[in-house]
Amino acid sequence: MVHVCRKEHFNAAHKLWNPKWSEEKNKSVFGPCSNANWHGHNFELIVTIKGRPDEDTGFVVDLKQLSNLIRKEVIDKVDHKNLNVDVPFMEGKMASCENLVMEFWKILQPQVDKMVKDGGLYKLTLYETPRNFVEYYGE
């Protein structure tokens, strides 16, 4: 199997806040990420596809088609948005990277798997900062 990766970028704001908790507990657990006036990140999303290269094209997946899919179905819906209030698929969920990457998987996996003859979506990696990132394998 060959793993092919596509990286996309978006900017978004969010805050980490559990409405069941007191302000003190939220600040204790989430620190400055619980700021009442939100905070933002320059996110990087890496979509990894696994598969066998097509005999005719030599591609596992057409990266231009993959990029268009990611941009249409994910990036356009989160870029320059507030993840807590502007993104319907995050409604009622904590706007953590862990929850966000799982929602991205739900959106992308069925469509990516149709694009790849012998393989499919393997992994999503979401960078919140250069040092903080999550990986998700659809489990």
N, C-alpha and C. Protein backbone atom coordinates (compact mmCIF):
# COMPACT_ATOMS: atom_id res chain seq x y z
N MET A 1 0.84 -1.19 0.00
CA MET A 1 0.00 0.00 0.00
C MET A 1 0.88 1.25 0.00
N VAL A 2 0.39 2.26 -0.68
CA VAL A 2 1.05 3.56 -0.72
C VAL A 2 0.18 4.54 0.07
N HIS A 3 0.81 5.40 0.85
CA HIS A 3 0.10 6.44 1.59
C HIS A 3 0.35 7.78 0.90
N VAL A 4 -0.71 8.46 0.52
CA VAL A 4 -0.65 9.74 -0.15
C VAL A 4 -1.27 10.78 0.78
N CYS A 5 -0.61 11.93 0.93
CA CYS A 5 -1.09 12.95 1.87
C CYS A 5 -1.37 14.26 1.15
N ARG A 6 -2.40 14.93 1.61
CA ARG A 6 -2.74 16.27 1.14
C ARG A 6 -2.90 17.16 2.37
N LYS A 7 -2.21 18.31 2.38
CA LYS A 7 -2.29 19.26 3.49
C LYS A 7 -3.12 20.46 3.07
N GLU A 8 -4.05 20.84 3.92
CA GLU A 8 -4.87 22.04 3.72
C GLU A 8 -4.75 22.91 4.97
N HIS A 9 -5.10 24.16 4.83
CA HIS A 9 -4.94 25.15 5.90
C HIS A 9 -6.26 25.90 6.11
N PHE A 10 -6.54 26.22 7.36
CA PHE A 10 -7.68 27.10 7.65
C PHE A 10 -7.43 27.84 8.96
N ASN A 11 -8.12 28.95 9.11
CA ASN A 11 -8.06 29.76 10.33
C ASN A 11 -9.43 29.68 10.98
N ALA A 12 -9.44 29.52 12.29
CA ALA A 12 -10.72 29.47 12.99
C ALA A 12 -10.53 29.86 14.45
N ALA A 13 -11.62 30.33 15.03
CA ALA A 13 -11.65 30.68 16.45
C ALA A 13 -12.49 29.65 17.19
N HIS A 14 -12.23 29.53 18.47
CA HIS A 14 -13.04 28.67 19.33
C HIS A 14 -12.72 28.99 20.78
N LYS A 15 -13.47 28.38 21.67
CA LYS A 15 -13.10 28.38 23.08
C LYS A 15 -13.49 27.03 23.64
N LEU A 16 -12.76 26.63 24.63
CA LEU A 16 -13.06 25.40 25.33
C LEU A 16 -13.78 25.78 26.61
N TRP A 17 -15.01 25.31 26.72
CA TRP A 17 -15.86 25.72 27.84
C TRP A 17 -16.93 24.66 28.06
N ASN A 18 -17.01 24.16 29.27
CA ASN A 18 -18.05 23.20 29.62
C ASN A 18 -19.12 23.93 30.41
N PRO A 19 -20.32 24.10 29.85
CA PRO A 19 -21.37 24.87 30.53
C PRO A 19 -21.85 24.23 31.83
N LYS A 20 -21.55 22.97 32.05
CA LYS A 20 -21.93 22.29 33.30
C LYS A 20 -21.02 22.68 34.46
N TRP A 21 -19.88 23.27 34.15
CA TRP A 21 -18.88 23.60 35.16
C TRP A 21 -18.94 25.08 35.53
N SER A 22 -18.35 25.40 36.66
CA SER A 22 -18.22 26.79 37.09
C SER A 22 -17.14 27.48 36.25
N GLU A 23 -17.13 28.79 36.31
CA GLU A 23 -16.09 29.55 35.62
C GLU A 23 -14.71 29.16 36.14
N GLU A 24 -14.62 28.97 37.45
CA GLU A 24 -13.34 28.60 38.05
C GLU A 24 -12.83 27.26 37.53
N LYS A 25 -13.73 26.27 37.45
CA LYS A 25 -13.31 24.96 36.97
C LYS A 25 -12.92 25.02 35.50
N ASN A 26 -13.69 25.74 34.68
CA ASN A 26 -13.33 25.89 33.28
C ASN A 26 -11.94 26.52 33.13
N LYS A 27 -11.68 27.57 33.89
CA LYS A 27 -10.37 28.22 33.82
C LYS A 27 -9.27 27.30 34.32
N SER A 28 -9.58 26.52 35.35
CA SER A 28 -8.59 25.59 35.89
C SER A 28 -8.23 24.49 34.87
N VAL A 29 -9.24 23.95 34.19
CA VAL A 29 -9.00 22.85 33.24
C VAL A 29 -8.50 23.37 31.89
N PHE A 30 -9.11 24.42 31.35
CA PHE A 30 -8.82 24.87 30.00
C PHE A 30 -7.90 26.07 29.91
N GLY A 31 -7.61 26.72 31.04
CA GLY A 31 -6.71 27.87 31.05
C GLY A 31 -7.16 28.96 30.10
N PRO A 32 -6.21 29.59 29.39
CA PRO A 32 -6.57 30.68 28.49
C PRO A 32 -7.45 30.24 27.31
N CYS A 33 -7.54 28.94 27.08
CA CYS A 33 -8.42 28.45 25.99
C CYS A 33 -9.89 28.62 26.34
N SER A 34 -10.18 28.99 27.60
CA SER A 34 -11.57 29.23 28.01
C SER A 34 -11.93 30.72 27.95
N ASN A 35 -11.09 31.52 27.36
CA ASN A 35 -11.31 32.96 27.25
C ASN A 35 -12.72 33.25 26.73
N ALA A 36 -13.45 34.07 27.45
CA ALA A 36 -14.84 34.38 27.08
C ALA A 36 -14.95 34.99 25.69
N ASN A 37 -13.89 35.65 25.23
CA ASN A 37 -13.91 36.31 23.92
C ASN A 37 -13.21 35.49 22.83
N TRP A 38 -13.08 34.17 23.06
CA TRP A 38 -12.55 33.24 22.07
C TRP A 38 -11.05 33.41 21.87
N HIS A 39 -10.48 32.56 21.09
CA HIS A 39 -9.09 32.66 20.63
C HIS A 39 -9.00 31.91 19.31
N GLY A 40 -7.95 32.17 18.54
CA GLY A 40 -7.87 31.57 17.22
C GLY A 40 -6.61 30.78 16.97
N HIS A 41 -6.66 29.99 15.91
CA HIS A 41 -5.52 29.17 15.49
C HIS A 41 -5.40 29.17 13.98
N ASN A 42 -4.20 28.91 13.51
CA ASN A 42 -3.93 28.64 12.11
C ASN A 42 -3.79 27.12 12.01
N PHE A 43 -4.88 26.47 11.66
CA PHE A 43 -4.92 25.01 11.64
C PHE A 43 -4.32 24.45 10.35
N GLU A 44 -3.74 23.27 10.44
CA GLU A 44 -3.30 22.49 9.29
C GLU A 44 -4.00 21.14 9.36
N LEU A 45 -4.62 20.74 8.27
CA LEU A 45 -5.27 19.44 8.18
C LEU A 45 -4.54 18.62 7.14
N ILE A 46 -4.07 17.44 7.55
CA ILE A 46 -3.40 16.53 6.63
C ILE A 46 -4.29 15.30 6.46
N VAL A 47 -4.69 15.06 5.23
CA VAL A 47 -5.54 13.93 4.89
C VAL A 47 -4.65 12.87 4.25
N THR A 48 -4.62 11.69 4.85
CA THR A 48 -3.79 10.60 4.35
C THR A 48 -4.68 9.50 3.77
N ILE A 49 -4.39 9.16 2.52
CA ILE A 49 -5.12 8.12 1.79
C ILE A 49 -4.18 6.93 1.62
N LYS A 50 -4.72 5.72 1.75
CA LYS A 50 -3.90 4.55 1.44
C LYS A 50 -4.53 3.80 0.28
N GLY A 51 -3.68 3.21 -0.51
CA GLY A 51 -4.20 2.44 -1.63
C GLY A 51 -3.09 1.96 -2.54
N ARG A 52 -3.50 1.33 -3.61
CA ARG A 52 -2.57 0.85 -4.63
C ARG A 52 -2.70 1.77 -5.85
N PRO A 53 -1.57 2.12 -6.45
CA PRO A 53 -1.64 2.99 -7.63
C PRO A 53 -2.44 2.36 -8.76
N ASP A 54 -3.25 3.17 -9.42
CA ASP A 54 -4.03 2.76 -10.58
C ASP A 54 -3.08 2.43 -11.73
N GLU A 55 -3.37 1.38 -12.45
CA GLU A 55 -2.50 0.96 -13.56
C GLU A 55 -2.41 2.03 -14.65
N ASP A 56 -3.50 2.73 -14.91
CA ASP A 56 -3.52 3.70 -16.01
C ASP A 56 -2.88 5.03 -15.64
N THR A 57 -3.13 5.51 -14.41
CA THR A 57 -2.64 6.84 -14.03
C THR A 57 -1.39 6.80 -13.16
N GLY A 58 -1.19 5.70 -12.45
CA GLY A 58 -0.11 5.63 -11.48
C GLY A 58 -0.47 6.29 -10.16
N PHE A 59 -1.69 6.81 -10.06
CA PHE A 59 -2.15 7.51 -8.85
C PHE A 59 -2.90 6.58 -7.92
N VAL A 60 -2.73 6.80 -6.62
CA VAL A 60 -3.64 6.21 -5.64
C VAL A 60 -4.93 7.02 -5.66
N VAL A 61 -4.78 8.33 -5.74
CA VAL A 61 -5.91 9.26 -5.80
C VAL A 61 -5.46 10.49 -6.57
N ASP A 62 -6.35 11.09 -7.31
CA ASP A 62 -6.06 12.35 -8.00
C ASP A 62 -6.04 13.44 -6.93
N LEU A 63 -4.86 14.00 -6.66
CA LEU A 63 -4.72 14.98 -5.58
C LEU A 63 -5.50 16.26 -5.84
N LYS A 64 -5.70 16.64 -7.06
CA LYS A 64 -6.51 17.82 -7.36
C LYS A 64 -7.97 17.57 -6.96
N GLN A 65 -8.49 16.39 -7.31
CA GLN A 65 -9.86 16.05 -6.91
C GLN A 65 -9.97 15.96 -5.38
N LEU A 66 -8.96 15.38 -4.75
CA LEU A 66 -8.97 15.28 -3.28
C LEU A 66 -8.97 16.67 -2.65
N SER A 67 -8.11 17.55 -3.14
CA SER A 67 -8.05 18.91 -2.62
C SER A 67 -9.40 19.62 -2.78
N ASN A 68 -10.01 19.48 -3.95
CA ASN A 68 -11.32 20.11 -4.18
C ASN A 68 -12.36 19.58 -3.19
N LEU A 69 -12.35 18.28 -2.95
CA LEU A 69 -13.29 17.68 -2.00
C LEU A 69 -13.07 18.21 -0.59
N ILE A 70 -11.83 18.24 -0.13
CA ILE A 70 -11.53 18.71 1.21
C ILE A 70 -11.95 20.17 1.37
N ARG A 71 -11.63 20.98 0.36
CA ARG A 71 -11.97 22.40 0.45
C ARG A 71 -13.49 22.60 0.49
N LYS A 72 -14.21 21.90 -0.38
CA LYS A 72 -15.66 22.08 -0.47
C LYS A 72 -16.38 21.57 0.78
N GLU A 73 -16.01 20.40 1.24
CA GLU A 73 -16.74 19.73 2.31
C GLU A 73 -16.28 20.10 3.72
N VAL A 74 -15.05 20.58 3.86
CA VAL A 74 -14.53 20.88 5.19
C VAL A 74 -14.02 22.32 5.29
N ILE A 75 -13.00 22.66 4.53
CA ILE A 75 -12.32 23.95 4.71
C ILE A 75 -13.28 25.12 4.54
N ASP A 76 -14.09 25.11 3.49
CA ASP A 76 -15.02 26.22 3.27
C ASP A 76 -16.03 26.37 4.41
N LYS A 77 -16.26 25.31 5.16
CA LYS A 77 -17.23 25.36 6.26
C LYS A 77 -16.63 25.80 7.59
N VAL A 78 -15.29 25.78 7.70
CA VAL A 78 -14.66 26.15 8.97
C VAL A 78 -13.71 27.34 8.86
N ASP A 79 -13.26 27.67 7.67
CA ASP A 79 -12.27 28.74 7.52
C ASP A 79 -12.85 30.09 7.89
N HIS A 80 -12.13 30.79 8.75
CA HIS A 80 -12.53 32.11 9.26
C HIS A 80 -13.90 32.07 9.94
N LYS A 81 -14.15 30.97 10.63
CA LYS A 81 -15.40 30.79 11.38
C LYS A 81 -15.08 30.61 12.86
N ASN A 82 -16.12 30.79 13.66
CA ASN A 82 -16.05 30.45 15.08
C ASN A 82 -16.60 29.03 15.19
N LEU A 83 -15.76 28.08 15.57
CA LEU A 83 -16.16 26.68 15.62
C LEU A 83 -17.31 26.42 16.59
N ASN A 84 -17.42 27.25 17.62
CA ASN A 84 -18.48 27.06 18.62
C ASN A 84 -19.85 27.52 18.14
N VAL A 85 -19.88 28.51 17.24
CA VAL A 85 -21.19 29.10 16.89
C VAL A 85 -21.51 29.12 15.39
N ASP A 86 -20.51 28.98 14.52
CA ASP A 86 -20.74 29.13 13.08
C ASP A 86 -20.74 27.83 12.29
N VAL A 87 -20.43 26.71 12.93
CA VAL A 87 -20.22 25.45 12.21
C VAL A 87 -21.27 24.45 12.64
N PRO A 88 -22.28 24.20 11.78
CA PRO A 88 -23.39 23.34 12.18
C PRO A 88 -22.98 21.95 12.68
N PHE A 89 -21.97 21.32 12.06
CA PHE A 89 -21.62 19.97 12.51
C PHE A 89 -20.89 19.95 13.85
N MET A 90 -20.57 21.12 14.41
CA MET A 90 -19.96 21.19 15.74
C MET A 90 -20.97 21.62 16.81
N GLU A 91 -22.20 21.86 16.40
CA GLU A 91 -23.23 22.31 17.34
C GLU A 91 -23.41 21.29 18.47
N GLY A 92 -23.37 21.80 19.70
CA GLY A 92 -23.57 20.96 20.87
C GLY A 92 -22.36 20.13 21.26
N LYS A 93 -21.22 20.35 20.59
CA LYS A 93 -20.01 19.58 20.89
C LYS A 93 -18.93 20.52 21.42
N MET A 94 -18.08 20.01 22.30
CA MET A 94 -16.91 20.76 22.73
C MET A 94 -16.03 20.97 21.50
N ALA A 95 -15.58 22.18 21.28
CA ALA A 95 -14.81 22.52 20.08
C ALA A 95 -13.33 22.19 20.25
N SER A 96 -13.06 20.97 20.70
CA SER A 96 -11.68 20.51 20.84
C SER A 96 -11.19 19.96 19.49
N CYS A 97 -9.89 19.87 19.34
CA CYS A 97 -9.33 19.28 18.12
C CYS A 97 -9.75 17.83 17.98
N GLU A 98 -9.85 17.12 19.10
CA GLU A 98 -10.26 15.72 19.05
C GLU A 98 -11.65 15.57 18.45
N ASN A 99 -12.59 16.38 18.90
CA ASN A 99 -13.96 16.32 18.36
C ASN A 99 -14.00 16.82 16.92
N LEU A 100 -13.24 17.85 16.63
CA LEU A 100 -13.23 18.42 15.28
C LEU A 100 -12.71 17.41 14.26
N VAL A 101 -11.62 16.72 14.57
CA VAL A 101 -11.06 15.77 13.61
C VAL A 101 -12.00 14.58 13.39
N MET A 102 -12.73 14.18 14.42
CA MET A 102 -13.69 13.09 14.25
C MET A 102 -14.85 13.52 13.35
N GLU A 103 -15.28 14.76 13.46
CA GLU A 103 -16.34 15.26 12.58
C GLU A 103 -15.84 15.36 11.14
N PHE A 104 -14.59 15.78 10.96
CA PHE A 104 -14.02 15.82 9.61
C PHE A 104 -14.02 14.42 8.99
N TRP A 105 -13.68 13.42 9.80
CA TRP A 105 -13.66 12.04 9.30
C TRP A 105 -15.05 11.62 8.80
N LYS A 106 -16.07 11.92 9.60
CA LYS A 106 -17.44 11.55 9.21
C LYS A 106 -17.83 12.16 7.87
N ILE A 107 -17.35 13.35 7.62
CA ILE A 107 -17.67 14.05 6.37
C ILE A 107 -16.87 13.46 5.21
N LEU A 108 -15.58 13.26 5.41
CA LEU A 108 -14.70 12.89 4.31
C LEU A 108 -14.68 11.41 3.97
N GLN A 109 -14.75 10.55 4.96
CA GLN A 109 -14.53 9.12 4.74
C GLN A 109 -15.41 8.51 3.65
N PRO A 110 -16.72 8.70 3.67
CA PRO A 110 -17.53 8.06 2.62
C PRO A 110 -17.18 8.54 1.21
N GLN A 111 -16.88 9.82 1.08
CA GLN A 111 -16.59 10.38 -0.24
C GLN A 111 -15.19 10.01 -0.73
N VAL A 112 -14.22 10.02 0.18
CA VAL A 112 -12.86 9.64 -0.20
C VAL A 112 -12.82 8.17 -0.62
N ASP A 113 -13.50 7.32 0.14
CA ASP A 113 -13.48 5.89 -0.17
C ASP A 113 -14.04 5.60 -1.56
N LYS A 114 -14.97 6.44 -2.04
CA LYS A 114 -15.50 6.27 -3.40
C LYS A 114 -14.48 6.67 -4.46
N MET A 115 -13.55 7.56 -4.09
CA MET A 115 -12.55 8.06 -5.04
C MET A 115 -11.39 7.09 -5.24
N VAL A 116 -11.19 6.18 -4.27
CA VAL A 116 -10.01 5.31 -4.28
C VAL A 116 -10.46 3.89 -4.57
N LYS A 117 -9.97 3.32 -5.68
CA LYS A 117 -10.40 1.99 -6.10
C LYS A 117 -9.99 0.91 -5.12
N ASP A 118 -8.76 0.93 -4.70
CA ASP A 118 -8.23 -0.15 -3.84
C ASP A 118 -7.62 0.47 -2.59
N GLY A 119 -8.47 0.99 -1.70
CA GLY A 119 -7.99 1.64 -0.49
C GLY A 119 -9.02 2.62 0.02
N GLY A 120 -8.56 3.68 0.66
CA GLY A 120 -9.48 4.68 1.17
C GLY A 120 -8.82 5.62 2.15
N LEU A 121 -9.64 6.32 2.90
CA LEU A 121 -9.14 7.25 3.91
C LEU A 121 -8.43 6.46 4.99
N TYR A 122 -7.20 6.83 5.29
CA TYR A 122 -6.38 6.11 6.27
C TYR A 122 -6.26 6.87 7.58
N LYS A 123 -5.97 8.19 7.50
CA LYS A 123 -5.70 8.96 8.71
C LYS A 123 -5.95 10.43 8.45
N LEU A 124 -6.41 11.13 9.48
CA LEU A 124 -6.46 12.59 9.48
C LEU A 124 -5.55 13.09 10.58
N THR A 125 -4.76 14.11 10.26
CA THR A 125 -3.91 14.77 11.25
C THR A 125 -4.32 16.23 11.27
N LEU A 126 -4.62 16.74 12.45
CA LEU A 126 -5.04 18.13 12.60
C LEU A 126 -4.09 18.84 13.55
N TYR A 127 -3.36 19.81 13.01
CA TYR A 127 -2.46 20.64 13.82
C TYR A 127 -3.22 21.88 14.28
N GLU A 128 -3.25 22.08 15.59
CA GLU A 128 -3.80 23.30 16.16
C GLU A 128 -2.69 24.34 16.29
N THR A 129 -1.52 23.89 16.68
CA THR A 129 -0.31 24.71 16.74
C THR A 129 0.82 23.83 16.19
N PRO A 130 1.98 24.40 15.95
CA PRO A 130 3.09 23.56 15.48
C PRO A 130 3.46 22.43 16.43
N ARG A 131 3.13 22.58 17.72
CA ARG A 131 3.49 21.55 18.70
C ARG A 131 2.31 20.73 19.20
N ASN A 132 1.09 21.13 18.90
CA ASN A 132 -0.10 20.40 19.36
C ASN A 132 -0.91 19.92 18.17
N PHE A 133 -1.07 18.60 18.08
CA PHE A 133 -1.84 18.04 16.98
C PHE A 133 -2.48 16.73 17.41
N VAL A 134 -3.50 16.34 16.66
CA VAL A 134 -4.19 15.06 16.90
C VAL A 134 -4.18 14.26 15.62
N GLU A 135 -4.22 12.93 15.78
CA GLU A 135 -4.33 12.02 14.66
C GLU A 135 -5.56 11.16 14.88
N TYR A 136 -6.25 10.84 13.79
CA TYR A 136 -7.46 10.02 13.90
C TYR A 136 -7.50 9.03 12.75
N TYR A 137 -7.76 7.78 13.10
CA TYR A 137 -7.81 6.69 12.14
C TYR A 137 -9.22 6.15 11.93
N GLY A 138 -10.21 6.89 12.36
CA GLY A 138 -11.59 6.48 12.14
C GLY A 138 -12.09 5.40 13.08
N GLU A 139 -11.47 5.27 14.21
CA GLU A 139 -11.86 4.21 15.15
C GLU A 139 -12.80 4.75 16.21
